Amino acid sequence: MRNAAQGANLSSGRGTAMSARAIGSRQARSSWGVLLAVALAVVGLVRLASDLLTDVDPTWVSVLGKSPLRLLARTTDGSVAGDLNVQYFKVLAIPCGLAVLFLVNGGMTGGIPAAERRWARPRFRLTCIAALAALCTFCEIEKATHLLGLPTGLVEGERAWLNHAIHAAGAILAYPMSLLLRYRPAAGTEAAAHTFPKNPATPEG
């Protein structure tokens, strides 16, 4: 009788430890999701700021010299790396924009619970991606045609038609990435942390 109770205690203890490890793993994934969003948002906003500065003063990048920071600007020095930076960096535009919207969504009315419910809806995420794709398309059309006369344009090593194709690839990439972005562990996980099975009382004798 006592041996059976001890075995039950050991089994329950193992179950509790495994559940704790699973929750810890889920929390780590959630933390990494937020960190990923912050990293992408920072990269995207820095790149956007440098693009706007390039439109105003294309020569400003000269202050960066030959440092790696030059790759944050939409310019090329004629090298393969420079051309890749000008043309193909755009694949991150929509994913970076989506990361910004993810963080903004977290601060909207209703707090994190409401933000989680919104972000869990595929239609919400697809709407965000579609809006970002439309914005990028408008920007590329304006750069190539100057329909509105905005102070922007194509730079050396940049091709208008390829910009649209790369943004489309970025939009496709953004959707699976959106599944990695979480504010905290999945619903119900935290509650499970407080409902572990209790060890049965060891009978006397």
C-alpha atoms as a PDB file:
ATOM      1  CA  MET A   1       0.000   0.000   0.000  1.00  0.00           C
ATOM      2  CA  ARG A   2       2.767   2.380   1.006  1.00  0.00           C
ATOM      3  CA  ASN A   3       4.847   1.434  -2.074  1.00  0.00           C
ATOM      4  CA  ALA A   4       1.869   2.159  -4.345  1.00  0.00           C
ATOM      5  CA  ALA A   5       1.400   5.585  -2.757  1.00  0.00           C
ATOM      6  CA  GLN A   6       5.105   6.374  -3.125  1.00  0.00           C
ATOM      7  CA  GLY A   7       4.952   5.370  -6.780  1.00  0.00           C
ATOM      8  CA  ALA A   8       1.986   7.659  -7.307  1.00  0.00           C
ATOM      9  CA  ASN A   9       3.889  10.506  -5.669  1.00  0.00           C
ATOM     10  CA  LEU A  10       6.889   9.954  -7.936  1.00  0.00           C
ATOM     11  CA  SER A  11       4.694   9.795 -11.033  1.00  0.00           C
ATOM     12  CA  SER A  12       2.888  12.979 -10.050  1.00  0.00           C
ATOM     13  CA  GLY A  13       6.194  14.715  -9.377  1.00  0.00           C
ATOM     14  CA  ARG A  14       7.512  13.770 -12.793  1.00  0.00           C
ATOM     15  CA  GLY A  15       4.311  15.052 -14.404  1.00  0.00           C
ATOM     16  CA  THR A  16       4.592  18.341 -12.557  1.00  0.00           C
ATOM     17  CA  ALA A  17       8.232  18.759 -13.585  1.00  0.00           C
ATOM     18  CA  MET A  18       7.435  17.966 -17.234  1.00  0.00           C
ATOM     19  CA  SER A  19       4.543  20.454 -17.215  1.00  0.00           C
ATOM     20  CA  ALA A  20       6.783  23.116 -15.695  1.00  0.00           C
ATOM     21  CA  ARG A  21       9.423  22.516 -18.377  1.00  0.00           C
ATOM     22  CA  ALA A  22       6.772  22.738 -21.109  1.00  0.00           C
ATOM     23  CA  ILE A  23       5.472  26.036 -19.719  1.00  0.00           C
ATOM     24  CA  GLY A  24       8.997  27.382 -19.399  1.00  0.00           C
ATOM     25  CA  SER A  25       9.638  26.461 -23.022  1.00  0.00           C
ATOM     26  CA  ARG A  26       6.399  28.143 -24.156  1.00  0.00           C
ATOM     27  CA  GLN A  27       7.272  31.287 -22.195  1.00  0.00           C
ATOM     28  CA  ALA A  28      10.738  31.327 -23.794  1.00  0.00           C
ATOM     29  CA  ARG A  29       9.188  31.065 -27.247  1.00  0.00           C
ATOM     30  CA  SER A  30       6.804  33.891 -26.418  1.00  0.00           C
ATOM     31  CA  SER A  31       9.669  36.047 -25.159  1.00  0.00           C
ATOM     32  CA  TRP A  32      11.638  35.357 -28.317  1.00  0.00           C
ATOM     33  CA  GLY A  33       8.568  36.337 -30.354  1.00  0.00           C
ATOM     34  CA  VAL A  34       8.468  39.760 -28.700  1.00  0.00           C
ATOM     35  CA  LEU A  35      12.231  40.178 -29.072  1.00  0.00           C
ATOM     36  CA  LEU A  36      11.949  39.274 -32.764  1.00  0.00           C
ATOM     37  CA  ALA A  37       9.252  41.925 -33.211  1.00  0.00           C
ATOM     38  CA  VAL A  38      11.355  44.570 -31.439  1.00  0.00           C
ATOM     39  CA  ALA A  39      14.449  43.717 -33.515  1.00  0.00           C
ATOM     40  CA  LEU A  40      12.551  43.860 -36.805  1.00  0.00           C
ATOM     41  CA  ALA A  41      10.787  47.069 -35.794  1.00  0.00           C
ATOM     42  CA  VAL A  42      14.095  48.773 -34.964  1.00  0.00           C
ATOM     43  CA  VAL A  43      15.698  47.667 -38.242  1.00  0.00           C
ATOM     44  CA  GLY A  44      12.658  48.762 -40.237  1.00  0.00           C
ATOM     45  CA  LEU A  45      12.331  52.171 -38.596  1.00  0.00           C
ATOM     46  CA  VAL A  46      16.058  52.912 -38.925  1.00  0.00           C
ATOM     47  CA  ARG A  47      15.938  51.940 -42.596  1.00  0.00           C
ATOM     48  CA  LEU A  48      12.824  54.077 -43.161  1.00  0.00           C
ATOM     49  CA  ALA A  49      14.486  57.079 -41.532  1.00  0.00           C
ATOM     50  CA  SER A  50      17.587  56.624 -43.687  1.00  0.00           C
ATOM     51  CA  ASP A  51      15.432  56.291 -46.835  1.00  0.00           C
ATOM     52  CA  LEU A  52      13.652  59.552 -46.070  1.00  0.00           C
ATOM     53  CA  LEU A  53      16.980  61.236 -45.421  1.00  0.00           C
ATOM     54  CA  THR A  54      18.321  59.885 -48.708  1.00  0.00           C
ATOM     55  CA  ASP A  55      15.332  61.383 -50.535  1.00  0.00           C
ATOM     56  CA  VAL A  56      16.051  64.778 -48.982  1.00  0.00           C
ATOM     57  CA  ASP A  57      19.851  64.664 -49.312  1.00  0.00           C
ATOM     58  CA  PRO A  58      21.323  61.761 -51.343  1.00  0.00           C
ATOM     59  CA  THR A  59      24.854  62.726 -50.282  1.00  0.00           C
ATOM     60  CA  TRP A  60      24.314  62.348 -46.527  1.00  0.00           C
ATOM     61  CA  VAL A  61      25.582  58.754 -46.553  1.00  0.00           C
ATOM     62  CA  SER A  62      29.096  60.038 -47.173  1.00  0.00           C
ATOM     63  CA  VAL A  63      29.348  60.820 -43.448  1.00  0.00           C
ATOM     64  CA  LEU A  64      29.232  57.049 -42.762  1.00  0.00           C
ATOM     65  CA  GLY A  65      32.384  56.441 -44.786  1.00  0.00           C
ATOM     66  CA  LYS A  66      33.100  52.744 -45.353  1.00  0.00           C
ATOM     67  CA  SER A  67      31.601  51.577 -42.057  1.00  0.00           C
ATOM     68  CA  PRO A  68      29.036  48.735 -41.959  1.00  0.00           C
ATOM     69  CA  LEU A  69      26.411  51.339 -41.015  1.00  0.00           C
ATOM     70  CA  ARG A  70      26.442  52.283 -44.683  1.00  0.00           C
ATOM     71  CA  LEU A  71      24.271  49.224 -45.303  1.00  0.00           C
ATOM     72  CA  LEU A  72      21.454  50.868 -43.334  1.00  0.00           C
ATOM     73  CA  ALA A  73      21.116  53.457 -46.099  1.00  0.00           C
ATOM     74  CA  ARG A  74      19.458  52.973 -49.506  1.00  0.00           C
ATOM     75  CA  THR A  75      22.642  53.656 -51.436  1.00  0.00           C
ATOM     76  CA  THR A  76      25.233  51.594 -53.243  1.00  0.00           C
ATOM     77  CA  ASP A  77      28.948  51.996 -53.664  1.00  0.00           C
ATOM     78  CA  GLY A  78      28.833  49.942 -56.864  1.00  0.00           C
ATOM     79  CA  SER A  79      29.759  46.686 -55.136  1.00  0.00           C
ATOM     80  CA  VAL A  80      27.649  43.532 -55.182  1.00  0.00           C
ATOM     81  CA  ALA A  81      26.863  44.022 -51.481  1.00  0.00           C
ATOM     82  CA  GLY A  82      25.812  47.613 -52.158  1.00  0.00           C
ATOM     83  CA  ASP A  83      23.516  46.600 -55.021  1.00  0.00           C
ATOM     84  CA  LEU A  84      21.966  43.833 -52.915  1.00  0.00           C
ATOM     85  CA  ASN A  85      21.381  46.328 -50.126  1.00  0.00           C
ATOM     86  CA  VAL A  86      19.618  48.786 -52.417  1.00  0.00           C
ATOM     87  CA  GLN A  87      17.463  46.262 -54.233  1.00  0.00           C
ATOM     88  CA  TYR A  88      16.874  43.216 -52.055  1.00  0.00           C
ATOM     89  CA  PHE A  89      16.745  44.695 -48.571  1.00  0.00           C
ATOM     90  CA  LYS A  90      13.121  45.490 -49.438  1.00  0.00           C
ATOM     91  CA  VAL A  91      12.134  41.873 -48.768  1.00  0.00           C
ATOM     92  CA  LEU A  92      12.164  42.876 -45.087  1.00  0.00           C
ATOM     93  CA  ALA A  93       9.983  45.966 -45.537  1.00  0.00           C
ATOM     94  CA  ILE A  94       6.607  44.296 -44.941  1.00  0.00           C
ATOM     95  CA  PRO A  95       7.860  41.904 -42.204  1.00  0.00           C
ATOM     96  CA  CYS A  96       9.403  44.886 -40.382  1.00  0.00           C
ATOM     97  CA  GLY A  97       6.211  46.892 -40.811  1.00  0.00           C
ATOM     98  CA  LEU A  98       4.174  43.976 -39.498  1.00  0.00           C
ATOM     99  CA  ALA A  99       6.423  43.811 -36.423  1.00  0.00           C
ATOM    100  CA  VAL A 100       5.683  47.500 -35.763  1.00  0.00           C
ATOM    101  CA  LEU A 101       1.930  46.840 -36.080  1.00  0.00           C
ATOM    102  CA  PHE A 102       2.267  43.862 -33.728  1.00  0.00           C
ATOM    103  CA  LEU A 103       3.810  46.082 -31.063  1.00  0.00           C
ATOM    104  CA  VAL A 104       1.268  48.858 -31.659  1.00  0.00           C
ATOM    105  CA  ASN A 105      -1.554  46.317 -31.415  1.00  0.00           C
ATOM    106  CA  GLY A 106      -0.269  45.336 -27.972  1.00  0.00           C
ATOM    107  CA  GLY A 107      -0.786  48.870 -26.711  1.00  0.00           C
ATOM    108  CA  MET A 108      -4.296  49.331 -28.082  1.00  0.00           C
ATOM    109  CA  THR A 109      -7.517  49.438 -26.054  1.00  0.00           C
ATOM    110  CA  GLY A 110      -8.178  46.296 -24.064  1.00  0.00           C
ATOM    111  CA  GLY A 111      -4.582  45.498 -23.163  1.00  0.00           C
ATOM    112  CA  ILE A 112      -2.739  42.283 -23.945  1.00  0.00           C
ATOM    113  CA  PRO A 113      -5.788  39.933 -23.730  1.00  0.00           C
ATOM    114  CA  ALA A 114      -7.627  41.915 -26.414  1.00  0.00           C
ATOM    115  CA  ALA A 115      -4.425  42.248 -28.473  1.00  0.00           C
ATOM    116  CA  GLU A 116      -3.972  38.472 -28.377  1.00  0.00           C
ATOM    117  CA  ARG A 117      -7.511  37.893 -29.584  1.00  0.00           C
ATOM    118  CA  ARG A 118      -7.059  40.316 -32.480  1.00  0.00           C
ATOM    119  CA  TRP A 119      -3.680  38.877 -33.470  1.00  0.00           C
ATOM    120  CA  ALA A 120      -4.997  35.303 -33.309  1.00  0.00           C
ATOM    121  CA  ARG A 121      -7.438  36.080 -36.154  1.00  0.00           C
ATOM    122  CA  PRO A 122      -5.878  35.280 -39.567  1.00  0.00           C
ATOM    123  CA  ARG A 123      -8.066  37.948 -41.168  1.00  0.00           C
ATOM    124  CA  PHE A 124      -6.593  40.620 -38.895  1.00  0.00           C
ATOM    125  CA  ARG A 125      -3.007  39.651 -39.745  1.00  0.00           C
ATOM    126  CA  LEU A 126      -3.790  39.368 -43.462  1.00  0.00           C
ATOM    127  CA  THR A 127      -5.425  42.803 -43.393  1.00  0.00           C
ATOM    128  CA  CYS A 128      -2.283  44.273 -41.825  1.00  0.00           C
ATOM    129  CA  ILE A 129      -0.097  42.614 -44.462  1.00  0.00           C
ATOM    130  CA  ALA A 130      -2.374  43.771 -47.299  1.00  0.00           C
ATOM    131  CA  ALA A 131      -2.341  47.362 -46.002  1.00  0.00           C
ATOM    132  CA  LEU A 132       1.462  47.329 -45.797  1.00  0.00           C
ATOM    133  CA  ALA A 133       1.705  45.835 -49.305  1.00  0.00           C
ATOM    134  CA  ALA A 134      -0.587  48.574 -50.661  1.00  0.00           C
ATOM    135  CA  LEU A 135       1.542  51.241 -48.963  1.00  0.00           C
ATOM    136  CA  CYS A 136       4.751  49.786 -50.401  1.00  0.00           C
ATOM    137  CA  THR A 137       3.183  49.577 -53.868  1.00  0.00           C
ATOM    138  CA  PHE A 138       2.128  53.224 -53.691  1.00  0.00           C
ATOM    139  CA  CYS A 139       5.634  54.270 -52.598  1.00  0.00           C
ATOM    140  CA  GLU A 140       7.276  52.352 -55.442  1.00  0.00           C
ATOM    141  CA  ILE A 141       4.868  53.800 -58.026  1.00  0.00           C
ATOM    142  CA  GLU A 142       5.556  57.309 -56.742  1.00  0.00           C
ATOM    143  CA  LYS A 143       9.315  56.726 -56.838  1.00  0.00           C
ATOM    144  CA  ALA A 144       9.133  55.591 -60.467  1.00  0.00           C
ATOM    145  CA  THR A 145       6.562  58.070 -61.818  1.00  0.00           C
ATOM    146  CA  HIS A 146       6.466  61.095 -59.460  1.00  0.00           C
ATOM    147  CA  LEU A 147       2.682  61.271 -59.836  1.00  0.00           C
ATOM    148  CA  LEU A 148       2.338  63.395 -56.708  1.00  0.00           C
ATOM    149  CA  GLY A 149       5.646  65.169 -57.068  1.00  0.00           C
ATOM    150  CA  LEU A 150       7.019  63.870 -53.780  1.00  0.00           C
ATOM    151  CA  PRO A 151      10.782  64.257 -53.226  1.00  0.00           C
ATOM    152  CA  THR A 152      11.599  60.597 -53.780  1.00  0.00           C
ATOM    153  CA  GLY A 153      12.974  58.503 -56.600  1.00  0.00           C
ATOM    154  CA  LEU A 154      14.931  55.470 -57.692  1.00  0.00           C
ATOM    155  CA  VAL A 155      18.609  55.359 -56.811  1.00  0.00           C
ATOM    156  CA  GLU A 156      21.528  53.723 -58.561  1.00  0.00           C
ATOM    157  CA  GLY A 157      21.183  49.934 -58.701  1.00  0.00           C
ATOM    158  CA  GLU A 158      17.404  49.982 -58.159  1.00  0.00           C
ATOM    159  CA  ARG A 159      14.878  48.686 -60.724  1.00  0.00           C
ATOM    160  CA  ALA A 160      11.217  49.630 -60.407  1.00  0.00           C
ATOM    161  CA  TRP A 161       9.651  46.358 -61.600  1.00  0.00           C
ATOM    162  CA  LEU A 162      11.891  44.297 -59.337  1.00  0.00           C
ATOM    163  CA  ASN A 163      10.881  46.409 -56.335  1.00  0.00           C
ATOM    164  CA  HIS A 164       7.278  45.230 -56.720  1.00  0.00           C
ATOM    165  CA  ALA A 165       8.332  41.574 -57.027  1.00  0.00           C
ATOM    166  CA  ILE A 166      10.500  41.800 -53.905  1.00  0.00           C
ATOM    167  CA  HIS A 167       7.737  43.445 -51.881  1.00  0.00           C
ATOM    168  CA  ALA A 168       5.389  40.636 -52.975  1.00  0.00           C
ATOM    169  CA  ALA A 169       7.927  38.087 -51.707  1.00  0.00           C
ATOM    170  CA  GLY A 170       8.142  40.024 -48.441  1.00  0.00           C
ATOM    171  CA  ALA A 171       4.354  39.928 -48.054  1.00  0.00           C
ATOM    172  CA  ILE A 172       4.365  36.138 -48.493  1.00  0.00           C
ATOM    173  CA  LEU A 173       7.191  35.824 -45.960  1.00  0.00           C
ATOM    174  CA  ALA A 174       5.347  38.038 -43.464  1.00  0.00           C
ATOM    175  CA  TYR A 175       2.418  35.684 -42.910  1.00  0.00           C
ATOM    176  CA  PRO A 176       4.315  32.663 -41.494  1.00  0.00           C
ATOM    177  CA  MET A 177       6.447  35.118 -39.533  1.00  0.00           C
ATOM    178  CA  SER A 178       3.272  36.518 -37.956  1.00  0.00           C
ATOM    179  CA  LEU A 179       2.646  33.112 -36.382  1.00  0.00           C
ATOM    180  CA  LEU A 180       5.897  33.454 -34.411  1.00  0.00           C
ATOM    181  CA  LEU A 181       4.874  36.744 -32.818  1.00  0.00           C
ATOM    182  CA  ARG A 182       3.213  36.269 -29.428  1.00  0.00           C
ATOM    183  CA  TYR A 183       2.796  38.577 -26.481  1.00  0.00           C
ATOM    184  CA  ARG A 184       2.865  35.800 -23.845  1.00  0.00           C
ATOM    185  CA  PRO A 185       2.204  32.033 -23.549  1.00  0.00           C
ATOM    186  CA  ALA A 186      -0.794  30.676 -25.420  1.00  0.00           C
ATOM    187  CA  ALA A 187      -4.185  31.028 -23.750  1.00  0.00           C
ATOM    188  CA  GLY A 188      -4.737  28.530 -20.980  1.00  0.00           C
ATOM    189  CA  THR A 189      -1.068  27.810 -20.343  1.00  0.00           C
ATOM    190  CA  GLU A 190      -0.787  30.174 -17.408  1.00  0.00           C
ATOM    191  CA  ALA A 191      -3.944  28.758 -15.883  1.00  0.00           C
ATOM    192  CA  ALA A 192      -2.530  25.268 -16.227  1.00  0.00           C
ATOM    193  CA  ALA A 193       0.483  26.374 -14.201  1.00  0.00           C
ATOM    194  CA  HIS A 194      -1.799  26.788 -11.202  1.00  0.00           C
ATOM    195  CA  THR A 195      -3.762  23.553 -11.649  1.00  0.00           C
ATOM    196  CA  PHE A 196      -1.099  20.881 -11.409  1.00  0.00           C
ATOM    197  CA  PRO A 197      -2.399  17.652  -9.877  1.00  0.00           C
ATOM    198  CA  LYS A 198      -1.667  17.557  -6.182  1.00  0.00           C
ATOM    199  CA  ASN A 199       0.232  14.669  -4.680  1.00  0.00           C
ATOM    200  CA  PRO A 200      -2.190  12.212  -3.109  1.00  0.00           C
ATOM    201  CA  ALA A 201      -1.925  11.929   0.646  1.00  0.00           C
ATOM    202  CA  THR A 202       0.179   9.005   1.771  1.00  0.00           C
ATOM    203  CA  PRO A 203      -2.045   6.640   3.726  1.00  0.00           C
ATOM    204  CA  GLU A 204      -0.976   5.564   7.121  1.00  0.00           C
ATOM    205  CA  GLY A 205       0.251   2.069   7.725  1.00  0.00           C
END
